[in-house]
C-alpha atoms as a PDB file:
ATOM      1  CA  UNK A   1     134.208 114.312-109.060  1.00  0.00           C
ATOM      2  CA  UNK A   2     134.402 117.898-108.156  1.00  0.00           C
ATOM      3  CA  UNK A   3     135.868 120.301-110.948  1.00  0.00           C
ATOM      4  CA  UNK A   4     138.732 122.376-109.800  1.00  0.00           C
ATOM      5  CA  UNK A   5     138.314 126.167-111.027  1.00  0.00           C
ATOM      6  CA  UNK A   6     140.873 127.242-112.408  1.00  0.00           C
ATOM      7  CA  UNK A   7     142.373 124.132-113.306  1.00  0.00           C
ATOM      8  CA  UNK A   8     145.637 123.474-111.799  1.00  0.00           C
ATOM      9  CA  UNK A   9     147.527 122.449-114.961  1.00  0.00           C
ATOM     10  CA  UNK A  10     146.814 126.061-116.358  1.00  0.00           C
ATOM     11  CA  UNK A  11     147.507 127.627-112.914  1.00  0.00           C
ATOM     12  CA  UNK A  12     150.774 125.993-112.425  1.00  0.00           C
ATOM     13  CA  UNK A  13     151.806 127.688-115.662  1.00  0.00           C
ATOM     14  CA  UNK A  14     151.260 131.282-113.967  1.00  0.00           C
ATOM     15  CA  UNK A  15     154.435 130.671-111.379  1.00  0.00           C
ATOM     16  CA  UNK A  16     158.101 129.998-111.871  1.00  0.00           C
ATOM     17  CA  UNK A  17     157.710 126.878-110.237  1.00  0.00           C
ATOM     18  CA  UNK A  18     154.979 125.166-107.659  1.00  0.00           C
ATOM     19  CA  UNK A  19     156.739 126.063-104.769  1.00  0.00           C
ATOM     20  CA  UNK A  20     156.112 129.626-105.716  1.00  0.00           C
ATOM     21  CA  UNK A  21     152.585 129.323-106.846  1.00  0.00           C
ATOM     22  CA  UNK A  22     152.062 127.613-103.403  1.00  0.00           C
ATOM     23  CA  UNK A  23     153.452 130.478-101.671  1.00  0.00           C
ATOM     24  CA  UNK A  24     151.916 133.313-103.629  1.00  0.00           C
ATOM     25  CA  UNK A  25     148.363 131.963-103.209  1.00  0.00           C
ATOM     26  CA  UNK A  26     148.707 131.409 -99.662  1.00  0.00           C
ATOM     27  CA  UNK A  27     150.102 134.836 -99.132  1.00  0.00           C
ATOM     28  CA  UNK A  28     147.441 136.593-101.123  1.00  0.00           C
ATOM     29  CA  UNK A  29     144.757 134.233 -99.208  1.00  0.00           C
ATOM     30  CA  UNK A  30     146.156 135.718 -95.898  1.00  0.00           C
ATOM     31  CA  UNK A  31     145.984 139.344 -97.477  1.00  0.00           C
ATOM     32  CA  UNK A  32     142.186 138.606 -98.492  1.00  0.00           C
ATOM     33  CA  UNK A  33     141.513 137.398 -94.503  1.00  0.00           C
ATOM     34  CA  UNK A  34     142.985 140.690 -93.350  1.00  0.00           C
ATOM     35  CA  UNK A  35     140.270 143.336 -92.240  1.00  0.00           C
ATOM     36  CA  UNK A  36     141.295 145.599 -95.017  1.00  0.00           C
ATOM     37  CA  UNK A  37     140.082 143.158 -97.771  1.00  0.00           C
ATOM     38  CA  UNK A  38     137.362 141.357 -95.485  1.00  0.00           C
ATOM     39  CA  UNK A  39     134.473 143.123 -97.646  1.00  0.00           C
ATOM     40  CA  UNK A  40     135.806 142.139-101.193  1.00  0.00           C
ATOM     41  CA  UNK A  41     136.313 138.560 -99.935  1.00  0.00           C
ATOM     42  CA  UNK A  42     132.675 138.341 -98.561  1.00  0.00           C
ATOM     43  CA  UNK A  43     131.568 140.047-101.828  1.00  0.00           C
ATOM     44  CA  UNK A  44     132.856 137.641-103.905  1.00  0.00           C
ATOM     45  CA  UNK A  45     131.350 134.630-102.189  1.00  0.00           C
ATOM     46  CA  UNK A  46     134.310 132.457-102.343  1.00  0.00           C
ATOM     47  CA  UNK A  47     136.825 131.152 -99.781  1.00  0.00           C
ATOM     48  CA  UNK A  48     140.187 133.151 -99.794  1.00  0.00           C
ATOM     49  CA  UNK A  49     142.001 130.283-101.429  1.00  0.00           C
ATOM     50  CA  UNK A  50     139.832 130.086-104.404  1.00  0.00           C
ATOM     51  CA  UNK A  51     139.706 133.656-104.775  1.00  0.00           C
ATOM     52  CA  UNK A  52     143.542 134.153-104.600  1.00  0.00           C
ATOM     53  CA  UNK A  53     143.847 131.312-107.000  1.00  0.00           C
ATOM     54  CA  UNK A  54     141.682 132.848-109.250  1.00  0.00           C
ATOM     55  CA  UNK A  55     143.359 136.427-109.447  1.00  0.00           C
ATOM     56  CA  UNK A  56     146.742 134.519-109.953  1.00  0.00           C
ATOM     57  CA  UNK A  57     144.834 132.630-112.906  1.00  0.00           C
ATOM     58  CA  UNK A  58     143.330 135.964-114.727  1.00  0.00           C
ATOM     59  CA  UNK A  59     146.737 137.644-114.019  1.00  0.00           C
ATOM     60  CA  UNK A  60     145.614 140.123-111.370  1.00  0.00           C
ATOM     61  CA  UNK A  61     148.367 138.807-108.964  1.00  0.00           C
ATOM     62  CA  UNK A  62     151.604 137.832-110.292  1.00  0.00           C
ATOM     63  CA  UNK A  63     153.605 135.546-108.645  1.00  0.00           C
ATOM     64  CA  UNK A  64     157.391 136.371-108.680  1.00  0.00           C
ATOM     65  CA  UNK A  65     160.467 134.863-107.168  1.00  0.00           C
ATOM     66  CA  UNK A  66     162.902 137.448-105.477  1.00  0.00           C
ATOM     67  CA  UNK A  67     165.842 137.482-103.193  1.00  0.00           C
ATOM     68  CA  UNK A  68     165.374 138.194 -99.678  1.00  0.00           C
ATOM     69  CA  UNK A  69     167.108 141.137 -98.416  1.00  0.00           C
END
């Protein structure tokens, strides 16, 4: 069994709800895949989802729920 890093039980506490966490991590992963962040992603040696999850876990990225306008 592989260990998930960061641990999902601790990662879930970083967002107001699970849906917001999934949306926030997915959005950041898409940003990391863009040309503007491609070098940063490649230098990390990680997949975009893993790096996005780590950024949320370490509070580099904050997941918030806001109203659409």
